Each structure stands twice: as structure tokens, then as C-alpha cells.
């Protein structure tokens, strides 16, 4: 059996985060070294779950892999896997709600089974699993002043970010056979999702654009609620939180201003724009 040292474990999770966290790392790197290392461990494990869901394995094998990961989480302290070694150490030193990882697996299983959502309330439950859980995991690392709603705010902020992801990825998800927009919303705006011969989203009579505007405004309400967490955090954690959320809010604003941008591509901010948001967050201001 190969023994993984803590230094090796944390180095591995930081490398995963640097290479894979295209948006989150701008916020993570604003944390002091120890919290940064711990949040990289949390991210790396969450990323592993996400990669299983988005990978090329048949659905049945994905479900099996996720079940195996649940078993590994239950025996976290005995693992020699670098990511799990780092998470186990992090959980011993920080109040990380490990049950949130199980919720995240629940959400990934929804992806694997191709679940569709009739109402926004159903979608909210999915978002709480795949993103609200991540918000609560981050809160375990950030820490906060005692407040009865701190975990709720973290949950709401994660749900806001996931709604932004959904709007950004409408086209990519549809190509992969997934639809996250609630059927009630599609019906309300007369939208039947489809792609043209160039694999671009079809916007018949502007219905899809109108739905995106509506959904963006709804997401802003979740951001407003979730960002009530920021004043409860210490300066560095607050900056990290504002940087992560600010990048997604700026992306949401761009999608809302010009919905057609997501009809043909997976929209993202430039590195300079992300760095600008991170720099602004150091002043304690949300973008």
C-alpha cells in the first residue's frame, strides 16, 4: 500500500484546482495559505464527482462509480487516495459538513439519469444538491460570525451560481441530451428547445430570449439573498466569496444583456475580466 503524505495530498488537490477551477480559483487564491489548501481539497473532491457525471462511461457504470465514492467517503480516515487524504485532514481541522458531499453525489446522479424538471421548485432541489452543498462546504472553510442563517445564505448563493451555469450551458446541455430549464417556464414563454443545422439554439419569436431575461432576473434575487453571507465573513474569506460570486454575476449580466451569445457558444469571461473582479473584491465590493 502506497502511503500519501499530507504535503503530497494537498499538492495534488491544489494542482487539480489550478488546472480545472476556471472561475473558482480566482477567489480561492485570495484566501490565506491554510484555508486555500483546504478549499482546494474540497474542490478537488467535488470535481471528481462532477467528472464522473460528465464522463464517457455508460450511465450504469457512472452510478456504480458514484456509489463507490460514497463508500470511500464513509471510510475517509483510512483512505490512501491523495484527494481523500487531504479532505480527511481538512475535516479534522475545519467544520466541513461532510454530508454535503453526499448531497452533491445525489445531484450528480440526477444528471446521470437525465432527470427533467417540471417546476422551478424541482430545479431548486437539484441546484441545492449540486451547488448549495458546495456553498455550505465553502462556509465550513471560510468560517463566519455566529448567525442562524449563515448556512442558508451559503446555500442560496450556490443556487444562484448554478442558475447562471444553467443559462450559460443551455446549448451544450441540449447537445448532450440534458435540459435544466423547467418545463413550466418553457411553456410560459412558448419555447421548444431545438438546434438548427449549425448546432445553434433556435429562438422562435424571441421566446427563448425572453425566458433567459426572466430567468436572469430570478437568479439575481438568489444572489441578493445569498450575498447576505458576505458581511458575516472575515476580510479574506469575504473577498474570496465576492470574487467567486462576482465572476458569475458578471457572466449573468452579459447573458441577460445579449441572450444570443449563448445560442452558439459556451460563454466565459476573459482572464483579465476575472482578475478585475477578484481585485475589486479585495475592496469588499461585490461586482
Protein backbone atom coordinates (compact mmCIF):
# COMPACT_ATOMS: atom_id res chain seq x y z
CA UNK A 1 0.00 0.00 0.00
CA UNK A 2 1.40 3.38 -1.00
CA UNK A 3 1.38 6.00 1.74
CA UNK A 4 0.45 9.52 0.74
CA UNK A 5 1.87 12.30 2.87
CA UNK A 6 -0.29 15.31 3.69
CA UNK A 7 2.04 17.54 1.73
CA UNK A 8 1.66 15.32 -1.34
CA UNK A 9 -2.10 15.14 -0.88
CA UNK A 10 -2.56 18.89 -0.69
CA UNK A 11 -0.15 19.46 -3.57
CA UNK A 12 -2.26 17.11 -5.71
CA UNK A 13 -5.54 18.85 -4.85
CA UNK A 14 -4.05 22.30 -5.47
CA UNK A 15 -2.82 21.19 -8.89
CA UNK A 16 -6.30 19.87 -9.74
CA UNK A 17 -7.86 23.15 -8.65
CA UNK A 18 -5.39 25.31 -10.57
CA UNK A 19 -5.97 23.37 -13.79
CA UNK A 20 -9.72 22.79 -13.53
CA UNK A 21 -11.29 25.62 -11.48
CA UNK A 22 -11.51 28.16 -14.29
CA UNK A 23 -13.65 30.55 -12.22
CA UNK A 24 -13.38 29.48 -8.59
CA UNK A 25 -9.59 29.64 -8.38
CA UNK A 26 -9.68 33.42 -8.76
CA UNK A 27 -11.48 33.51 -5.41
CA UNK A 28 -9.69 30.59 -3.78
CA UNK A 29 -6.29 32.17 -4.21
CA UNK A 30 -7.39 35.21 -2.17
CA UNK A 31 -7.58 33.06 0.97
CA UNK A 32 -4.69 32.68 3.44
CA UNK A 33 -2.50 29.63 2.66
CA UNK A 34 -4.12 27.13 5.01
CA UNK A 35 -7.70 27.91 4.03
CA UNK A 36 -6.65 27.98 0.38
CA UNK A 37 -5.18 24.47 0.67
CA UNK A 38 -8.28 23.16 2.43
CA UNK A 39 -10.68 24.66 -0.10
CA UNK A 40 -8.60 23.17 -2.91
CA UNK A 41 -9.11 19.77 -1.29
CA UNK A 42 -12.86 20.35 -1.12
CA UNK A 43 -12.92 21.49 -4.74
CA UNK A 44 -10.89 18.52 -5.95
CA UNK A 45 -13.31 16.02 -4.44
CA UNK A 46 -16.34 17.90 -5.78
CA UNK A 47 -14.64 17.97 -9.18
CA UNK A 48 -14.13 14.22 -9.10
CA UNK A 49 -17.86 13.72 -8.60
CA UNK A 50 -18.69 16.13 -11.39
CA UNK A 51 -16.23 14.44 -13.74
CA UNK A 52 -17.91 11.08 -13.14
CA UNK A 53 -21.26 12.60 -14.09
CA UNK A 54 -19.90 14.28 -17.22
CA UNK A 55 -17.59 11.47 -18.29
CA UNK A 56 -17.91 8.95 -21.10
CA UNK A 57 -18.85 5.89 -19.05
CA UNK A 58 -22.27 4.30 -19.59
CA UNK A 59 -24.89 5.54 -17.13
CA UNK A 60 -24.88 2.30 -15.14
CA UNK A 61 -21.12 2.46 -14.62
CA UNK A 62 -21.38 6.09 -13.53
CA UNK A 63 -23.94 5.16 -10.90
CA UNK A 64 -21.63 2.37 -9.72
CA UNK A 65 -18.67 4.77 -9.56
CA UNK A 66 -20.69 7.27 -7.54
CA UNK A 67 -21.78 4.54 -5.15
CA UNK A 68 -18.13 3.55 -4.74
CA UNK A 69 -17.26 7.12 -3.90
CA UNK A 70 -19.97 7.17 -1.22
CA UNK A 71 -18.37 4.08 0.30
CA UNK A 72 -14.95 5.72 0.22
CA UNK A 73 -16.34 8.82 1.93
CA UNK A 74 -17.76 6.65 4.71
CA UNK A 75 -14.23 5.31 5.35
CA UNK A 76 -12.47 8.61 4.76
CA UNK A 77 -9.87 8.29 7.52
CA UNK A 78 -8.49 5.03 6.14
CA UNK A 79 -8.08 6.18 2.53
CA UNK A 80 -4.73 6.44 0.77
CA UNK A 81 -6.18 8.37 -2.19
CA UNK A 82 -4.48 11.83 -2.24
CA UNK A 83 -7.73 13.76 -2.64
CA UNK A 84 -9.45 11.87 0.16
CA UNK A 85 -6.40 12.09 2.40
CA UNK A 86 -6.48 15.89 2.03
CA UNK A 87 -10.24 16.06 2.64
CA UNK A 88 -9.95 13.86 5.73
CA UNK A 89 -7.30 16.14 7.19
CA UNK A 90 -9.34 19.22 6.28
CA UNK A 91 -12.42 17.79 8.02
CA UNK A 92 -10.42 17.15 11.18
CA UNK A 93 -9.35 20.79 11.35
CA UNK A 94 -12.37 22.65 9.94
CA UNK A 95 -16.14 22.22 10.50
CA UNK A 96 -16.68 20.91 6.98
CA UNK A 97 -20.18 19.37 6.62
CA UNK A 98 -19.15 16.07 5.02
CA UNK A 99 -22.80 15.17 4.46
CA UNK A 100 -22.87 17.87 1.79
CA UNK A 101 -20.67 15.63 -0.37
CA UNK A 102 -23.43 13.00 -0.26
CA UNK A 103 -25.91 15.65 -1.40
CA UNK A 104 -23.56 16.51 -4.24
CA UNK A 105 -23.50 12.86 -5.29
CA UNK A 106 -27.31 12.88 -5.20
CA UNK A 107 -27.29 15.79 -7.64
CA UNK A 108 -24.78 14.15 -9.97
CA UNK A 109 -26.97 11.04 -10.01
CA UNK A 110 -29.84 13.24 -11.21
CA UNK A 111 -27.62 14.29 -14.10
CA UNK A 112 -26.70 10.70 -14.89
CA UNK A 113 -30.33 9.57 -15.01
CA UNK A 114 -31.26 12.51 -17.24
CA UNK A 115 -33.89 13.89 -14.91
CA UNK A 116 -36.07 16.71 -16.24
CA UNK A 117 -37.69 19.41 -14.10
CA UNK A 118 -41.33 20.42 -14.36
CA UNK A 119 -41.26 23.34 -11.94
CA UNK A 120 -38.64 25.73 -10.65
CA UNK A 121 -39.13 24.24 -7.20
CA UNK A 122 -37.95 20.89 -8.56
CA UNK A 123 -34.96 22.56 -10.20
CA UNK A 124 -34.22 24.34 -6.92
CA UNK A 125 -33.88 20.96 -5.20
CA UNK A 126 -31.36 19.87 -7.83
CA UNK A 127 -29.41 23.14 -7.53
CA UNK A 128 -29.32 22.75 -3.75
CA UNK A 129 -27.64 19.36 -4.19
CA UNK A 130 -25.05 20.28 -6.80
CA UNK A 131 -24.33 23.87 -5.80
CA UNK A 132 -25.95 24.77 -2.49
CA UNK A 133 -23.98 21.90 -0.99
CA UNK A 134 -20.79 23.42 -2.37
CA UNK A 135 -21.71 26.75 -0.80
CA UNK A 136 -22.09 25.07 2.58
CA UNK A 137 -18.78 23.25 2.14
CA UNK A 138 -17.10 26.58 1.40
CA UNK A 139 -18.68 28.09 4.50
CA UNK A 140 -17.12 25.33 6.56
CA UNK A 141 -13.74 26.55 5.35
CA UNK A 142 -14.48 30.28 5.47
CA UNK A 143 -16.00 30.28 8.93
CA UNK A 144 -18.38 33.08 9.88
CA UNK A 145 -19.67 35.14 12.74
CA UNK A 146 -22.42 33.19 14.56
CA UNK A 147 -25.66 33.67 12.66
CA UNK A 148 -28.67 31.33 12.41
CA UNK A 149 -28.96 31.86 8.64
CA UNK A 150 -25.31 31.67 7.60
CA UNK A 151 -25.67 28.17 6.11
CA UNK A 152 -28.90 29.23 4.35
CA UNK A 153 -27.14 32.20 2.76
CA UNK A 154 -24.30 29.97 1.57
CA UNK A 155 -26.87 27.58 0.14
CA UNK A 156 -28.71 30.40 -1.66
CA UNK A 157 -25.51 31.77 -3.14
CA UNK A 158 -24.59 28.36 -4.52
CA UNK A 159 -28.06 28.03 -6.06
CA UNK A 160 -27.64 31.46 -7.69
CA UNK A 161 -24.35 30.37 -9.27
CA UNK A 162 -25.93 27.18 -10.58
CA UNK A 163 -28.75 29.11 -12.21
CA UNK A 164 -26.10 31.14 -14.03
CA UNK A 165 -24.41 27.92 -15.16
CA UNK A 166 -27.72 26.62 -16.50
CA UNK A 167 -28.31 29.72 -18.63
CA UNK A 168 -24.73 29.68 -19.91
CA UNK A 169 -24.90 26.00 -20.85
CA UNK A 170 -28.37 25.70 -22.44
CA UNK A 171 -26.89 24.79 -25.83
CA UNK A 172 -24.16 22.46 -24.56
CA UNK A 173 -26.59 20.66 -22.27
CA UNK A 174 -29.12 20.21 -25.06
CA UNK A 175 -26.46 18.73 -27.34
CA UNK A 176 -25.70 16.26 -24.53
CA UNK A 177 -29.36 15.39 -24.09
CA UNK A 178 -29.90 17.38 -20.91
CA UNK A 179 -32.49 20.08 -20.22
CA UNK A 180 -32.45 22.02 -16.97
CA UNK A 181 -34.88 24.82 -17.77
CA UNK A 182 -38.15 23.97 -16.00
CA UNK A 183 -40.93 22.81 -18.33
CA UNK A 184 -43.33 25.31 -16.74
CA UNK A 185 -41.01 28.15 -17.78
CA UNK A 186 -40.57 26.74 -21.28
CA UNK A 187 -44.35 26.53 -21.66
CA UNK A 188 -44.88 30.02 -20.25
CA UNK A 189 -42.65 31.54 -22.94
CA UNK A 190 -43.68 29.17 -25.72
CA UNK A 191 -40.21 27.67 -26.04
CA UNK A 192 -39.47 24.32 -27.61
CA UNK A 193 -35.74 23.87 -27.32
CA UNK A 194 -34.06 22.90 -30.56
CA UNK A 195 -30.90 23.29 -32.63
CA UNK A 196 -30.54 24.41 -36.23
CA UNK A 197 -28.30 22.81 -38.83
CA UNK A 198 -25.32 24.72 -37.44
CA UNK A 199 -25.96 23.41 -33.90
CA UNK A 200 -27.12 26.83 -32.72
CA UNK A 201 -30.12 27.26 -30.43
CA UNK A 202 -33.33 28.23 -32.21
CA UNK A 203 -35.10 31.29 -30.80
CA UNK A 204 -38.57 31.22 -32.35
CA UNK A 205 -40.33 34.59 -31.98
CA UNK A 206 -37.87 35.63 -29.29
CA UNK A 207 -39.36 33.27 -26.73
CA UNK A 208 -36.03 31.83 -25.61
CA UNK A 209 -34.51 35.29 -25.19
CA UNK A 210 -37.50 36.34 -23.10
CA UNK A 211 -37.14 33.23 -20.95
CA UNK A 212 -33.45 33.98 -20.41
CA UNK A 213 -34.26 37.56 -19.32
CA UNK A 214 -36.86 36.22 -16.87
CA UNK A 215 -34.52 33.55 -15.52
CA UNK A 216 -31.66 36.02 -15.12
CA UNK A 217 -33.81 38.34 -13.03
CA UNK A 218 -34.88 35.42 -10.85
CA UNK A 219 -31.25 34.42 -10.36
CA UNK A 220 -30.41 37.96 -9.25
CA UNK A 221 -32.88 37.56 -6.40
CA UNK A 222 -30.96 34.49 -5.24
CA UNK A 223 -27.69 36.43 -5.44
CA UNK A 224 -29.18 39.23 -3.33
CA UNK A 225 -30.27 36.73 -0.69
CA UNK A 226 -27.05 34.73 -0.73
CA UNK A 227 -24.72 37.70 -0.58
CA UNK A 228 -26.07 38.47 2.89
CA UNK A 229 -23.40 35.95 3.86
CA UNK A 230 -20.55 38.31 2.94
CA UNK A 231 -20.76 40.63 6.00
CA UNK A 232 -20.53 37.58 8.26
CA UNK A 233 -17.11 36.57 6.90
CA UNK A 234 -13.61 37.71 7.79
CA UNK A 235 -11.92 40.02 5.27
CA UNK A 236 -10.06 37.37 3.25
CA UNK A 237 -12.98 34.96 3.17
CA UNK A 238 -15.32 37.77 2.18
CA UNK A 239 -13.00 38.74 -0.68
CA UNK A 240 -12.90 35.11 -1.84
CA UNK A 241 -16.70 34.82 -1.69
CA UNK A 242 -17.21 38.09 -3.56
CA UNK A 243 -14.69 37.12 -6.24
CA UNK A 244 -16.34 33.76 -6.91
CA UNK A 245 -19.85 35.17 -6.98
CA UNK A 246 -18.79 38.32 -8.81
CA UNK A 247 -17.44 36.42 -11.79
CA UNK A 248 -20.72 34.55 -12.16
CA UNK A 249 -22.83 37.69 -11.65
CA UNK A 250 -20.88 39.47 -14.38
CA UNK A 251 -21.42 36.48 -16.63
CA UNK A 252 -25.14 36.52 -15.82
CA UNK A 253 -25.36 40.23 -16.67
CA UNK A 254 -23.69 39.63 -20.02
CA UNK A 255 -26.07 36.78 -20.86
CA UNK A 256 -29.07 38.90 -19.86
CA UNK A 257 -27.86 41.86 -21.93
CA UNK A 258 -27.39 39.69 -25.04
CA UNK A 259 -29.02 36.24 -24.78
CA UNK A 260 -27.93 35.36 -28.31
CA UNK A 261 -24.37 34.99 -27.07
CA UNK A 262 -25.23 31.58 -25.58
CA UNK A 263 -27.02 30.35 -28.69
CA UNK A 264 -23.78 29.38 -30.45
CA UNK A 265 -21.08 29.10 -27.77
CA UNK A 266 -20.21 28.46 -24.14
CA UNK A 267 -19.73 31.99 -22.90
CA UNK A 268 -16.98 32.86 -20.44
CA UNK A 269 -15.19 35.94 -19.15
CA UNK A 270 -11.60 36.63 -20.13
CA UNK A 271 -8.78 36.12 -17.67
CA UNK A 272 -8.37 39.88 -17.42
CA UNK A 273 -12.06 40.32 -16.59
CA UNK A 274 -11.92 37.63 -13.92
CA UNK A 275 -8.81 39.17 -12.41
CA UNK A 276 -10.56 42.55 -12.37
CA UNK A 277 -13.47 41.09 -10.42
CA UNK A 278 -11.06 39.46 -7.96
CA UNK A 279 -9.18 42.73 -7.49
CA UNK A 280 -12.42 44.62 -6.85
CA UNK A 281 -13.48 42.04 -4.28
CA UNK A 282 -10.44 42.92 -2.17
CA UNK A 283 -12.08 46.28 -1.51
CA UNK A 284 -15.12 44.48 -0.10
CA UNK A 285 -17.36 45.43 -3.01
CA UNK A 286 -19.50 42.98 -4.97
CA UNK A 287 -19.32 43.21 -8.77
